[in-house]
Amino acid sequence: MMQKKIFVFLTLFFSFQMLSFAGDKKNNAALKIDSFINPLSKFSNEWNRDEFNKCNTAKDLKYLSATDRDVIWIINMARLNPILFLNSILLNPNSSEFKEINRRDFYYNSLVDDLKILAPNQTPLLPDYNLFTSANCHAYESGKTGYVGHDRQKKKCQADFYGECCDYGSSKPIDIVMSLLIDEDVPSLGHRKIMLSNRYTLIGVSTQPHIDYETNTVLDFK
């Protein structure tokens, strides 16, 4: 009788363990899927098309944060379909996800005009580790010292890029991208031109804390 009770107990125990293991696998799978949710899908279901999944070129890179991976993804999608980006985000009156923007501002409206005529770029930016190292070092040192600008403050931070964008005070991926695309108070629109240019094929991104602006993000391009 005792042996039968032990057998029943062990059977129930292992059945519970198997169910728990299956549940963990399901939850882990869900987490993995959630980590690749298109960051623009909240603005329009059209962003869920397969063609935009190919823009997620940094999805498997562990050295990048989720924020930095999404920054690359969003830039690639904006380059691939500027009209959809324009209509679903800039011209969408319900787009309250990113920081408030002045829709009457010159820089905002010049971005609208640029996106209307921008040719789709079928070649997504690919993440590059050397560019990440360059961006990460500069973002870290800038954040630690409160520096704003492109000059390297430490010799160990190599300026290994052809184009660079720096953003301060934005933490969400969409905020970072929108800030640099609007490029407010930058008459040359240098950040916007770099991000949308077809001259660059590689990118490195790093977001780090900043003592004055809370966060800063550096994007290096080649």
C-alpha atoms as a PDB file:
ATOM      1  CA  MET A   1       0.000   0.000   0.000  1.00  0.00           C
ATOM      2  CA  MET A   2       2.840   2.348   0.924  1.00  0.00           C
ATOM      3  CA  GLN A   3       4.611   1.617  -2.376  1.00  0.00           C
ATOM      4  CA  LYS A   4       1.438   2.456  -4.287  1.00  0.00           C
ATOM      5  CA  LYS A   5       1.129   5.820  -2.491  1.00  0.00           C
ATOM      6  CA  ILE A   6       4.762   6.619  -3.256  1.00  0.00           C
ATOM      7  CA  PHE A   7       4.236   5.715  -6.911  1.00  0.00           C
ATOM      8  CA  VAL A   8       1.160   7.967  -7.160  1.00  0.00           C
ATOM      9  CA  PHE A   9       3.035  10.827  -5.468  1.00  0.00           C
ATOM     10  CA  LEU A  10       6.004  10.534  -7.804  1.00  0.00           C
ATOM     11  CA  THR A  11       3.707  10.371 -10.833  1.00  0.00           C
ATOM     12  CA  LEU A  12       1.894  13.550  -9.786  1.00  0.00           C
ATOM     13  CA  PHE A  13       5.195  15.282  -8.929  1.00  0.00           C
ATOM     14  CA  PHE A  14       6.794  14.612 -12.306  1.00  0.00           C
ATOM     15  CA  SER A  15       3.565  15.508 -14.120  1.00  0.00           C
ATOM     16  CA  PHE A  16       3.577  18.871 -12.337  1.00  0.00           C
ATOM     17  CA  GLN A  17       7.228  19.406 -13.197  1.00  0.00           C
ATOM     18  CA  MET A  18       6.574  18.689 -16.878  1.00  0.00           C
ATOM     19  CA  LEU A  19       3.645  21.132 -16.921  1.00  0.00           C
ATOM     20  CA  SER A  20       5.777  23.784 -15.239  1.00  0.00           C
ATOM     21  CA  PHE A  21       8.576  23.222 -17.767  1.00  0.00           C
ATOM     22  CA  ALA A  22       6.115  23.477 -20.658  1.00  0.00           C
ATOM     23  CA  GLY A  23       4.694  26.664 -19.147  1.00  0.00           C
ATOM     24  CA  ASP A  24       8.166  28.159 -18.776  1.00  0.00           C
ATOM     25  CA  LYS A  25       8.975  27.330 -22.403  1.00  0.00           C
ATOM     26  CA  LYS A  26       5.727  28.983 -23.499  1.00  0.00           C
ATOM     27  CA  ASN A  27       6.405  32.068 -21.388  1.00  0.00           C
ATOM     28  CA  ASN A  28       9.996  32.308 -22.635  1.00  0.00           C
ATOM     29  CA  ALA A  29       8.764  31.998 -26.210  1.00  0.00           C
ATOM     30  CA  ALA A  30       6.247  34.764 -25.569  1.00  0.00           C
ATOM     31  CA  LEU A  31       8.968  36.967 -24.124  1.00  0.00           C
ATOM     32  CA  LYS A  32      11.152  36.305 -27.137  1.00  0.00           C
ATOM     33  CA  ILE A  33       8.314  37.249 -29.493  1.00  0.00           C
ATOM     34  CA  ASP A  34       7.474  40.347 -27.444  1.00  0.00           C
ATOM     35  CA  SER A  35      11.085  41.509 -27.638  1.00  0.00           C
ATOM     36  CA  PHE A  36      10.693  41.714 -31.415  1.00  0.00           C
ATOM     37  CA  ILE A  37       7.415  43.618 -31.496  1.00  0.00           C
ATOM     38  CA  ASN A  38       7.639  46.265 -34.178  1.00  0.00           C
ATOM     39  CA  PRO A  39       8.099  49.594 -32.333  1.00  0.00           C
ATOM     40  CA  LEU A  40       5.968  51.406 -34.931  1.00  0.00           C
ATOM     41  CA  SER A  41       3.058  48.932 -34.939  1.00  0.00           C
ATOM     42  CA  LYS A  42       1.237  51.073 -32.343  1.00  0.00           C
ATOM     43  CA  PHE A  43       0.966  53.804 -34.983  1.00  0.00           C
ATOM     44  CA  SER A  44      -0.269  51.635 -37.854  1.00  0.00           C
ATOM     45  CA  ASN A  45      -0.840  47.933 -38.503  1.00  0.00           C
ATOM     46  CA  GLU A  46       0.906  48.382 -41.832  1.00  0.00           C
ATOM     47  CA  TRP A  47       4.238  48.347 -39.997  1.00  0.00           C
ATOM     48  CA  ASN A  48       3.641  44.656 -39.226  1.00  0.00           C
ATOM     49  CA  ARG A  49       4.243  43.673 -42.838  1.00  0.00           C
ATOM     50  CA  ASP A  50       7.086  41.218 -43.413  1.00  0.00           C
ATOM     51  CA  GLU A  51       9.138  43.737 -45.354  1.00  0.00           C
ATOM     52  CA  PHE A  52       9.594  45.787 -42.186  1.00  0.00           C
ATOM     53  CA  ASN A  53      10.774  42.803 -40.145  1.00  0.00           C
ATOM     54  CA  LYS A  54      13.796  42.750 -42.449  1.00  0.00           C
ATOM     55  CA  CYS A  55      14.624  46.229 -41.177  1.00  0.00           C
ATOM     56  CA  ASN A  56      15.270  44.759 -37.723  1.00  0.00           C
ATOM     57  CA  THR A  57      18.912  44.123 -38.563  1.00  0.00           C
ATOM     58  CA  ALA A  58      20.169  44.260 -34.960  1.00  0.00           C
ATOM     59  CA  LYS A  59      17.618  41.906 -33.395  1.00  0.00           C
ATOM     60  CA  ASP A  60      20.095  39.167 -32.421  1.00  0.00           C
ATOM     61  CA  LEU A  61      22.893  41.371 -31.091  1.00  0.00           C
ATOM     62  CA  LYS A  62      23.281  41.031 -27.320  1.00  0.00           C
ATOM     63  CA  TYR A  63      25.813  43.854 -27.007  1.00  0.00           C
ATOM     64  CA  LEU A  64      23.105  46.361 -27.963  1.00  0.00           C
ATOM     65  CA  SER A  65      20.337  47.385 -25.569  1.00  0.00           C
ATOM     66  CA  ALA A  66      16.698  46.917 -26.585  1.00  0.00           C
ATOM     67  CA  THR A  67      16.479  50.691 -27.009  1.00  0.00           C
ATOM     68  CA  ASP A  68      19.446  50.799 -29.369  1.00  0.00           C
ATOM     69  CA  ARG A  69      18.182  47.850 -31.397  1.00  0.00           C
ATOM     70  CA  ASP A  70      14.822  49.582 -31.848  1.00  0.00           C
ATOM     71  CA  VAL A  71      16.509  52.841 -32.847  1.00  0.00           C
ATOM     72  CA  ILE A  72      18.196  51.010 -35.733  1.00  0.00           C
ATOM     73  CA  TRP A  73      14.931  49.281 -36.637  1.00  0.00           C
ATOM     74  CA  ILE A  74      12.968  52.558 -36.721  1.00  0.00           C
ATOM     75  CA  ILE A  75      15.594  54.371 -38.810  1.00  0.00           C
ATOM     76  CA  ASN A  76      15.604  51.537 -41.331  1.00  0.00           C
ATOM     77  CA  MET A  77      11.811  51.575 -41.588  1.00  0.00           C
ATOM     78  CA  ALA A  78      11.719  55.344 -42.068  1.00  0.00           C
ATOM     79  CA  ARG A  79      14.296  55.008 -44.852  1.00  0.00           C
ATOM     80  CA  LEU A  80      12.451  52.120 -46.500  1.00  0.00           C
ATOM     81  CA  ASN A  81       9.016  53.735 -46.512  1.00  0.00           C
ATOM     82  CA  PRO A  82       9.229  57.469 -45.824  1.00  0.00           C
ATOM     83  CA  ILE A  83       5.635  58.088 -46.934  1.00  0.00           C
ATOM     84  CA  LEU A  84       4.199  55.584 -44.463  1.00  0.00           C
ATOM     85  CA  PHE A  85       6.437  57.034 -41.749  1.00  0.00           C
ATOM     86  CA  LEU A  86       5.178  60.501 -42.636  1.00  0.00           C
ATOM     87  CA  ASN A  87       1.477  59.584 -42.709  1.00  0.00           C
ATOM     88  CA  SER A  88       1.323  57.224 -39.750  1.00  0.00           C
ATOM     89  CA  ILE A  89       3.542  59.206 -37.382  1.00  0.00           C
ATOM     90  CA  LEU A  90       4.257  62.826 -38.278  1.00  0.00           C
ATOM     91  CA  LEU A  91       0.808  63.559 -39.734  1.00  0.00           C
ATOM     92  CA  ASN A  92      -1.103  61.285 -37.357  1.00  0.00           C
ATOM     93  CA  PRO A  93      -3.042  63.520 -34.930  1.00  0.00           C
ATOM     94  CA  ASN A  94      -3.222  60.644 -32.431  1.00  0.00           C
ATOM     95  CA  SER A  95       0.539  60.126 -32.292  1.00  0.00           C
ATOM     96  CA  SER A  96       1.080  60.987 -28.653  1.00  0.00           C
ATOM     97  CA  GLU A  97       3.653  58.295 -27.967  1.00  0.00           C
ATOM     98  CA  PHE A  98       6.656  60.498 -28.613  1.00  0.00           C
ATOM     99  CA  LYS A  99       7.573  63.791 -27.014  1.00  0.00           C
ATOM    100  CA  GLU A 100       5.318  66.703 -27.862  1.00  0.00           C
ATOM    101  CA  ILE A 101       6.359  68.460 -31.040  1.00  0.00           C
ATOM    102  CA  ASN A 102       5.389  71.821 -32.457  1.00  0.00           C
ATOM    103  CA  ARG A 103       3.607  71.041 -35.720  1.00  0.00           C
ATOM    104  CA  ARG A 104       3.862  74.679 -36.753  1.00  0.00           C
ATOM    105  CA  ASP A 105       7.613  74.714 -36.311  1.00  0.00           C
ATOM    106  CA  PHE A 106       9.850  75.254 -39.349  1.00  0.00           C
ATOM    107  CA  TYR A 107      11.961  72.166 -38.633  1.00  0.00           C
ATOM    108  CA  TYR A 108       8.931  69.895 -38.272  1.00  0.00           C
ATOM    109  CA  ASN A 109       7.446  71.131 -41.530  1.00  0.00           C
ATOM    110  CA  SER A 110      10.725  70.874 -43.395  1.00  0.00           C
ATOM    111  CA  LEU A 111      10.890  67.206 -42.322  1.00  0.00           C
ATOM    112  CA  VAL A 112       7.376  66.700 -43.677  1.00  0.00           C
ATOM    113  CA  ASP A 113       8.481  68.199 -46.991  1.00  0.00           C
ATOM    114  CA  ASP A 114      11.649  66.083 -47.109  1.00  0.00           C
ATOM    115  CA  LEU A 115       9.816  62.812 -46.425  1.00  0.00           C
ATOM    116  CA  LYS A 116       7.301  63.563 -49.191  1.00  0.00           C
ATOM    117  CA  ILE A 117      10.038  63.492 -51.825  1.00  0.00           C
ATOM    118  CA  LEU A 118      12.503  61.047 -50.248  1.00  0.00           C
ATOM    119  CA  ALA A 119      13.110  57.972 -52.400  1.00  0.00           C
ATOM    120  CA  PRO A 120      12.682  54.662 -50.557  1.00  0.00           C
ATOM    121  CA  ASN A 121      15.994  53.129 -49.518  1.00  0.00           C
ATOM    122  CA  GLN A 122      15.888  49.364 -50.011  1.00  0.00           C
ATOM    123  CA  THR A 123      19.245  48.786 -48.293  1.00  0.00           C
ATOM    124  CA  PRO A 124      18.883  48.706 -44.500  1.00  0.00           C
ATOM    125  CA  LEU A 125      21.653  49.936 -42.231  1.00  0.00           C
ATOM    126  CA  LEU A 126      23.611  47.040 -40.770  1.00  0.00           C
ATOM    127  CA  PRO A 127      24.955  47.174 -37.200  1.00  0.00           C
ATOM    128  CA  ASP A 128      28.733  47.278 -36.924  1.00  0.00           C
ATOM    129  CA  TYR A 129      30.626  46.424 -33.727  1.00  0.00           C
ATOM    130  CA  ASN A 130      33.475  48.888 -34.314  1.00  0.00           C
ATOM    131  CA  LEU A 131      30.966  51.693 -34.805  1.00  0.00           C
ATOM    132  CA  PHE A 132      29.174  50.580 -31.650  1.00  0.00           C
ATOM    133  CA  THR A 133      32.452  50.712 -29.729  1.00  0.00           C
ATOM    134  CA  SER A 134      33.066  54.245 -31.002  1.00  0.00           C
ATOM    135  CA  ALA A 135      29.525  55.390 -30.136  1.00  0.00           C
ATOM    136  CA  ASN A 136      29.469  53.618 -26.778  1.00  0.00           C
ATOM    137  CA  CYS A 137      32.735  55.142 -25.574  1.00  0.00           C
ATOM    138  CA  HIS A 138      31.666  58.655 -26.548  1.00  0.00           C
ATOM    139  CA  ALA A 139      28.181  58.278 -25.022  1.00  0.00           C
ATOM    140  CA  TYR A 140      29.638  56.925 -21.776  1.00  0.00           C
ATOM    141  CA  GLU A 141      32.312  59.628 -21.427  1.00  0.00           C
ATOM    142  CA  SER A 142      29.906  62.421 -22.440  1.00  0.00           C
ATOM    143  CA  GLY A 143      27.341  61.254 -19.929  1.00  0.00           C
ATOM    144  CA  LYS A 144      29.880  60.975 -17.128  1.00  0.00           C
ATOM    145  CA  THR A 145      31.320  64.464 -17.668  1.00  0.00           C
ATOM    146  CA  GLY A 146      28.178  66.270 -18.861  1.00  0.00           C
ATOM    147  CA  TYR A 147      29.720  66.991 -22.259  1.00  0.00           C
ATOM    148  CA  VAL A 148      27.580  67.922 -25.278  1.00  0.00           C
ATOM    149  CA  GLY A 149      29.109  67.653 -28.742  1.00  0.00           C
ATOM    150  CA  HIS A 150      31.153  65.455 -31.040  1.00  0.00           C
ATOM    151  CA  ASP A 151      34.722  65.974 -29.855  1.00  0.00           C
ATOM    152  CA  ARG A 152      36.160  62.949 -28.104  1.00  0.00           C
ATOM    153  CA  GLN A 153      37.067  63.807 -24.524  1.00  0.00           C
ATOM    154  CA  LYS A 154      39.304  60.786 -23.999  1.00  0.00           C
ATOM    155  CA  LYS A 155      42.035  59.441 -26.258  1.00  0.00           C
ATOM    156  CA  LYS A 156      40.627  55.960 -25.743  1.00  0.00           C
ATOM    157  CA  CYS A 157      37.442  57.004 -27.566  1.00  0.00           C
ATOM    158  CA  GLN A 158      38.385  56.592 -31.202  1.00  0.00           C
ATOM    159  CA  ALA A 159      36.436  58.664 -33.719  1.00  0.00           C
ATOM    160  CA  ASP A 160      35.789  55.718 -36.020  1.00  0.00           C
ATOM    161  CA  PHE A 161      32.936  57.011 -38.188  1.00  0.00           C
ATOM    162  CA  TYR A 162      32.084  59.078 -41.275  1.00  0.00           C
ATOM    163  CA  GLY A 163      28.920  60.617 -39.833  1.00  0.00           C
ATOM    164  CA  GLU A 164      27.683  61.050 -36.273  1.00  0.00           C
ATOM    165  CA  CYS A 165      24.439  62.039 -34.539  1.00  0.00           C
ATOM    166  CA  CYS A 166      24.111  62.833 -30.829  1.00  0.00           C
ATOM    167  CA  ASP A 167      20.825  63.211 -28.972  1.00  0.00           C
ATOM    168  CA  TYR A 168      20.313  64.371 -25.386  1.00  0.00           C
ATOM    169  CA  GLY A 169      17.360  63.852 -23.069  1.00  0.00           C
ATOM    170  CA  SER A 170      15.416  61.233 -25.036  1.00  0.00           C
ATOM    171  CA  SER A 171      14.967  57.719 -23.672  1.00  0.00           C
ATOM    172  CA  LYS A 172      12.358  56.102 -25.946  1.00  0.00           C
ATOM    173  CA  PRO A 173      13.575  54.878 -29.357  1.00  0.00           C
ATOM    174  CA  ILE A 174      10.885  56.841 -31.219  1.00  0.00           C
ATOM    175  CA  ASP A 175      11.805  60.007 -29.287  1.00  0.00           C
ATOM    176  CA  ILE A 176      15.480  59.611 -30.176  1.00  0.00           C
ATOM    177  CA  VAL A 177      14.752  59.131 -33.868  1.00  0.00           C
ATOM    178  CA  MET A 178      12.169  61.915 -34.065  1.00  0.00           C
ATOM    179  CA  SER A 179      14.436  64.378 -32.257  1.00  0.00           C
ATOM    180  CA  LEU A 180      17.271  63.784 -34.705  1.00  0.00           C
ATOM    181  CA  LEU A 181      15.033  63.796 -37.779  1.00  0.00           C
ATOM    182  CA  ILE A 182      13.327  67.066 -36.855  1.00  0.00           C
ATOM    183  CA  ASP A 183      16.766  68.446 -35.950  1.00  0.00           C
ATOM    184  CA  GLU A 184      15.380  71.533 -34.257  1.00  0.00           C
ATOM    185  CA  ASP A 185      17.734  74.536 -34.064  1.00  0.00           C
ATOM    186  CA  VAL A 186      20.284  72.847 -36.339  1.00  0.00           C
ATOM    187  CA  PRO A 187      20.228  75.015 -39.489  1.00  0.00           C
ATOM    188  CA  SER A 188      22.322  72.544 -41.495  1.00  0.00           C
ATOM    189  CA  LEU A 189      19.912  69.674 -40.672  1.00  0.00           C
ATOM    190  CA  GLY A 190      23.050  67.586 -40.414  1.00  0.00           C
ATOM    191  CA  HIS A 191      21.553  64.844 -38.242  1.00  0.00           C
ATOM    192  CA  ARG A 192      18.553  64.379 -40.520  1.00  0.00           C
ATOM    193  CA  LYS A 193      20.721  64.258 -43.622  1.00  0.00           C
ATOM    194  CA  ILE A 194      22.999  61.618 -42.116  1.00  0.00           C
ATOM    195  CA  MET A 195      20.140  59.391 -40.958  1.00  0.00           C
ATOM    196  CA  LEU A 196      18.314  59.477 -44.285  1.00  0.00           C
ATOM    197  CA  SER A 197      21.337  59.439 -46.577  1.00  0.00           C
ATOM    198  CA  ASN A 198      21.996  56.434 -48.808  1.00  0.00           C
ATOM    199  CA  ARG A 199      25.744  57.069 -48.497  1.00  0.00           C
ATOM    200  CA  TYR A 200      25.890  55.104 -45.249  1.00  0.00           C
ATOM    201  CA  THR A 201      25.366  51.364 -44.891  1.00  0.00           C
ATOM    202  CA  LEU A 202      26.689  50.668 -41.365  1.00  0.00           C
ATOM    203  CA  ILE A 203      25.614  51.972 -37.967  1.00  0.00           C
ATOM    204  CA  GLY A 204      26.576  51.793 -34.298  1.00  0.00           C
ATOM    205  CA  VAL A 205      24.284  53.046 -31.518  1.00  0.00           C
ATOM    206  CA  SER A 206      24.709  53.478 -27.783  1.00  0.00           C
ATOM    207  CA  THR A 207      22.429  55.094 -25.197  1.00  0.00           C
ATOM    208  CA  GLN A 208      24.013  55.959 -21.845  1.00  0.00           C
ATOM    209  CA  PRO A 209      23.116  58.000 -18.736  1.00  0.00           C
ATOM    210  CA  HIS A 210      23.967  61.716 -18.800  1.00  0.00           C
ATOM    211  CA  ILE A 211      24.463  63.790 -15.655  1.00  0.00           C
ATOM    212  CA  ASP A 212      22.670  66.832 -17.088  1.00  0.00           C
ATOM    213  CA  TYR A 213      20.171  65.384 -19.578  1.00  0.00           C
ATOM    214  CA  GLU A 214      19.533  62.007 -17.907  1.00  0.00           C
ATOM    215  CA  THR A 215      20.311  60.156 -21.143  1.00  0.00           C
ATOM    216  CA  ASN A 216      22.361  60.651 -24.284  1.00  0.00           C
ATOM    217  CA  THR A 217      22.494  58.597 -27.449  1.00  0.00           C
ATOM    218  CA  VAL A 218      25.328  58.487 -29.968  1.00  0.00           C
ATOM    219  CA  LEU A 219      24.843  57.089 -33.475  1.00  0.00           C
ATOM    220  CA  ASP A 220      27.933  56.530 -35.632  1.00  0.00           C
ATOM    221  CA  PHE A 221      27.644  55.828 -39.354  1.00  0.00           C
ATOM    222  CA  LYS A 222      29.856  54.574 -42.179  1.00  0.00           C
END
